[in-house]
Protein backbone atom coordinates (compact mmCIF):
# COMPACT_ATOMS: atom_id res chain seq x y z
CA MET A 1 42.17 1.21 13.81
CA SER A 2 45.21 3.57 13.20
CA ALA A 3 45.88 7.07 11.99
CA VAL A 4 49.21 8.82 10.99
CA PHE A 5 50.40 11.81 12.40
CA ARG A 6 53.58 13.40 13.01
CA PHE A 7 54.18 14.70 16.57
CA PRO A 8 56.71 17.53 17.29
CA GLU A 9 58.88 15.50 19.29
CA SER A 10 58.62 12.16 17.41
CA SER A 11 61.34 12.99 14.85
CA SER A 12 64.78 11.17 15.57
CA SER A 13 66.68 12.66 12.48
CA SER A 14 67.98 16.26 12.19
CA SER A 15 67.00 16.26 8.65
CA THR A 16 63.73 17.45 7.66
CA PRO A 17 61.25 14.66 6.36
CA ALA A 18 59.92 14.57 3.12
CA LEU A 19 56.40 16.28 2.57
CA ASN A 20 53.59 13.79 3.96
CA GLN A 21 55.98 11.06 4.62
CA PRO A 22 54.47 8.97 7.71
CA GLN A 23 56.38 9.45 10.89
CA LEU A 24 54.13 7.96 13.51
CA ALA A 25 51.06 5.58 13.79
CA LEU A 26 48.36 5.98 16.22
CA VAL A 27 47.01 2.42 17.11
CA LEU A 28 43.73 1.83 18.90
CA TYR A 29 43.76 -1.31 20.68
CA ALA A 30 40.07 -2.56 21.31
CA GLY A 31 39.05 -4.89 24.21
CA GLU A 32 37.50 -4.88 27.65
CA ARG A 33 39.03 -1.10 27.90
CA SER A 34 40.30 0.42 24.82
CA PHE A 35 43.75 2.55 24.54
CA VAL A 36 45.87 4.20 22.15
CA LEU A 37 49.53 3.63 21.77
CA LYS A 38 51.77 5.77 19.32
CA HIS A 39 54.38 3.57 17.26
CA PRO A 40 57.21 5.19 15.47
CA LEU A 41 57.64 4.59 11.70
CA THR A 42 60.96 4.01 9.84
CA ALA A 43 61.52 3.12 6.29
CA ASN A 44 62.87 -0.19 5.38
CA ALA A 45 65.28 -1.08 2.32
CA LYS A 46 62.28 -0.67 -0.14
CA GLY A 47 61.35 2.44 1.35
CA GLN A 48 58.27 0.83 2.88
CA PRO A 49 57.30 2.06 6.40
CA VAL A 50 57.81 -0.22 9.33
CA MET A 51 56.04 0.24 12.57
CA GLY A 52 58.24 0.05 16.04
CA ALA A 53 57.21 -0.55 19.61
CA GLY A 54 54.39 1.43 20.90
CA ARG A 55 54.30 3.67 23.68
CA GLY A 56 51.81 5.74 25.76
CA VAL A 57 50.15 8.81 24.23
CA SER A 58 51.15 11.78 26.21
CA THR A 59 48.89 15.05 27.17
CA ARG A 60 51.29 16.92 24.80
CA ASP A 61 50.69 14.24 22.11
CA ARG A 62 46.73 14.85 22.43
CA GLN A 63 47.01 18.46 22.23
CA ALA A 64 49.33 18.23 19.17
CA LEU A 65 46.63 15.95 17.69
CA LEU A 66 43.77 18.02 18.26
CA GLN A 67 45.52 21.00 17.02
CA ALA A 68 46.43 19.32 13.77
CA LEU A 69 42.64 18.06 13.20
CA GLY A 70 41.73 21.83 13.67
CA VAL A 71 39.76 21.16 16.80
CA GLN A 72 39.27 24.82 18.16
CA GLY A 73 35.83 25.30 18.79
CA LEU A 74 34.75 25.59 22.65
CA THR A 75 32.45 23.26 24.54
CA PRO A 76 29.52 25.00 26.44
CA VAL A 77 29.46 23.46 30.05
CA GLN A 78 26.88 23.04 32.72
CA PRO A 79 26.88 24.65 36.19
CA ASN A 80 28.09 21.51 37.52
CA THR A 81 30.49 20.13 35.10
CA LEU A 82 33.96 19.50 36.54
CA ALA A 83 35.98 18.78 33.42
CA THR A 84 35.52 18.13 29.82
CA SER A 85 37.31 16.83 26.76
CA PRO A 86 36.67 15.64 23.12
CA VAL A 87 35.87 12.25 24.64
CA ALA A 88 34.88 12.34 28.26
CA CYS A 89 33.04 14.55 30.71
CA ALA A 90 33.02 14.55 34.47
CA TRP A 91 30.31 16.43 36.70
CA TRP A 92 28.98 16.50 40.14
CA VAL A 93 25.70 16.01 41.37
CA PRO A 94 24.44 17.49 44.88
CA ALA A 95 22.82 15.07 47.48
CA GLY A 96 19.36 14.29 46.99
CA GLU A 97 16.74 11.76 46.61
CA ARG A 98 16.55 9.34 43.87
CA ALA A 99 14.49 6.17 43.35
CA LEU A 100 16.30 2.74 42.26
CA LEU A 101 14.97 -0.40 40.58
CA PHE A 102 16.02 -3.78 42.36
CA GLU A 103 15.82 -7.03 41.12
CA PRO A 104 18.22 -8.83 43.61
CA LYS A 105 19.90 -11.81 42.11
CA TYR A 106 20.62 -13.42 45.52
CA GLY A 107 17.90 -14.84 47.70
CA GLN A 108 19.16 -13.47 51.00
CA THR A 109 18.98 -9.86 49.38
CA ALA A 110 15.53 -10.37 47.88
CA THR A 111 13.41 -8.32 50.43
CA VAL A 112 15.21 -5.11 49.29
CA SER A 113 12.92 -4.97 46.32
CA ARG A 114 10.23 -3.41 48.60
CA LEU A 115 12.39 -0.54 48.15
CA SER A 116 12.40 -0.31 44.40
CA GLY A 117 10.96 2.99 43.14
CA VAL A 118 11.09 4.56 46.37
CA PRO A 119 13.09 7.92 46.62
CA ILE A 120 16.07 7.33 48.76
CA PRO A 121 18.35 10.15 50.14
CA TRP A 122 21.94 9.90 48.57
CA PRO A 123 24.99 11.78 49.26
CA ALA A 124 26.55 14.15 46.51
CA LEU A 125 28.06 12.10 43.67
CA VAL A 126 30.66 12.50 41.01
CA PHE A 127 30.11 10.95 37.49
CA ILE A 128 33.03 10.36 35.08
CA ALA A 129 31.75 9.28 31.38
CA SER A 130 34.26 8.35 28.79
CA ALA A 131 34.00 6.06 25.80
CA ALA A 132 31.20 3.59 26.55
CA ARG A 133 32.49 3.77 30.40
CA LEU A 134 30.84 5.08 33.41
CA GLN A 135 32.38 5.73 36.80
CA VAL A 136 30.46 6.83 39.98
CA PHE A 137 32.04 8.09 43.15
CA ALA A 138 30.71 9.78 46.31
CA LEU A 139 31.38 12.99 48.28
CA ARG A 140 31.52 13.36 52.03
CA GLU A 141 30.46 16.95 51.76
CA ASN A 142 27.65 18.49 49.58
CA VAL A 143 29.69 21.13 48.00
CA ARG A 144 31.36 21.30 44.54
CA PRO A 145 34.52 19.28 44.80
CA THR A 146 38.08 20.67 43.96
CA LEU A 147 40.85 18.76 42.14
CA GLU A 148 42.15 18.04 45.81
CA THR A 149 39.11 16.58 46.98
CA PRO A 150 39.27 12.91 48.24
CA LEU A 151 36.37 10.75 46.45
CA MET A 152 34.71 8.16 48.35
CA HIS A 153 33.38 4.75 47.16
CA ALA A 154 29.87 5.31 45.91
CA PRO A 155 27.05 3.26 47.90
CA PHE A 156 25.34 1.51 45.35
CA TRP A 157 25.35 -2.07 43.81
CA ASN A 158 26.64 -2.79 40.28
CA LEU A 159 29.87 -0.83 40.83
CA PHE A 160 33.39 -2.35 40.51
CA GLN A 161 36.50 -1.23 42.39
CA GLY A 162 37.77 1.82 41.13
CA GLY A 163 33.92 3.19 40.68
CA GLY A 164 33.41 1.51 37.22
CA VAL A 165 29.75 0.71 36.49
CA CYS A 166 28.69 -2.92 35.76
CA ARG A 167 27.04 -2.08 32.28
CA GLY A 168 25.24 -5.26 31.51
CA SER A 169 22.71 -4.68 28.75
CA VAL A 170 22.27 -0.80 29.42
CA GLN A 171 22.66 1.50 26.40
CA TYR A 172 24.96 4.30 27.29
CA PRO A 173 24.39 7.84 25.50
CA THR A 174 26.46 7.97 22.08
CA ALA A 175 28.62 10.93 23.41
CA CYS A 176 30.30 12.22 26.36
CA THR A 177 29.16 16.01 26.52
CA PRO A 178 28.15 18.43 29.36
CA GLY A 179 24.72 18.59 27.36
CA LEU A 180 24.34 14.98 27.98
CA GLN A 181 25.00 14.83 31.72
CA GLU A 182 21.30 14.19 32.76
CA ALA A 183 21.08 11.42 29.92
CA TRP A 184 24.02 9.65 31.80
CA GLU A 185 22.72 10.19 35.22
CA ALA A 186 19.33 8.67 34.06
CA VAL A 187 20.70 5.63 32.41
CA PHE A 188 22.49 4.95 35.86
CA PHE A 189 19.60 5.54 38.16
CA GLN A 190 17.04 3.81 35.90
CA SER A 191 19.20 0.78 35.43
CA VAL A 192 18.34 -2.58 37.58
CA PHE A 193 20.38 -3.02 40.57
CA THR A 194 20.83 -6.72 41.28
CA GLY A 195 23.74 -6.99 43.75
CA PRO A 196 27.31 -5.74 44.65
CA SER A 197 29.71 -6.61 41.75
CA ARG A 198 32.65 -6.13 44.16
CA THR A 199 34.14 -8.24 46.99
CA ASP A 200 36.16 -5.85 49.02
CA ARG A 201 34.94 -3.59 51.80
CA TYR A 202 33.46 -0.42 50.27
CA MET A 203 31.26 0.91 53.11
CA ASN A 204 31.56 1.41 56.77
CA TRP A 205 28.25 -0.63 57.50
CA GLY A 206 28.12 -3.93 59.50
CA ARG A 207 24.56 -4.64 58.53
CA SER A 208 22.54 -5.40 55.31
CA TYR A 209 22.07 -3.12 52.45
CA GLU A 210 18.30 -2.87 53.06
CA GLU A 211 18.85 -1.78 56.55
CA LEU A 212 21.20 1.01 55.29
CA LEU A 213 18.65 2.31 52.87
CA SER A 214 15.93 2.07 55.51
CA HIS A 215 18.15 3.97 57.86
CA ALA A 216 18.92 6.69 55.44
CA LEU A 217 14.87 7.01 54.67
CA LYS A 218 14.22 7.14 58.56
CA GLN A 219 16.84 9.75 58.97
CA GLU A 220 15.94 11.70 55.87
CA GLN A 221 19.51 11.97 54.68
CA PHE A 222 22.27 9.61 53.81
CA PRO A 223 24.84 8.70 56.68
CA LEU A 224 27.79 10.16 55.62
CA ASP A 225 30.10 8.20 58.05
CA VAL A 226 29.53 4.95 56.01
CA LEU A 227 31.38 6.35 53.28
CA MET A 228 34.94 5.09 52.84
CA PRO A 229 37.51 6.77 50.93
CA ALA A 230 38.35 5.32 47.15
CA GLY A 231 42.04 6.09 47.47
CA VAL A 232 42.07 9.02 44.87
CA THR A 233 41.45 12.63 44.54
CA LEU A 234 39.43 14.35 41.76
CA HIS A 235 42.61 14.95 39.96
CA GLU A 236 43.61 11.48 40.00
CA ALA A 237 40.28 10.42 38.86
CA LEU A 238 40.45 12.55 35.91
CA SER A 239 44.04 11.61 35.08
């Protein structure tokens, strides 16, 4: 999939291009994780456009494209919205109780099923939804994060390194807008948690996951000392 658009900095000639002459192509590369590259267009001997090597799309490029498309409307946000764009949304959720659905895929974790549907205390969380992808992080403090706030690994199963959710057969909302934040949360919390999707150490806890959740229930709050840094600030996660 591609779209043609001339960015302000793309011209390599001092002459003014002909009206509606293609200068640059945006190409969407779809796969496990989709991305867009910009390719300069030059004319061959027959005057036909030839696409050059691709480069990453900058913030200035995105702003120029949105302006060219006439995207000028404002997007209403929720009180807990952290950032939003035409294709992504980030928000935080204060600490509180949530019930999870457990169907362990390993025999040694089967007994955690007794906690399926039981409201369990969790720390404050950060959700980042974008283009059929959801990331979840935790916070050490139950306050609205700033851009400089360090994010923690979220203490959940079904998460990859980097906070990405193992989607499986879950159907995500069709858009990433502040108005659909609760829908994204529902999709996450109402999915089936089958086991850890990562092999690195992401929690400071030496016992089983079931014991961690039982401890949180007994203390009536999630033990924040269990959380480990994800290695990024909120600003870095949004970049």
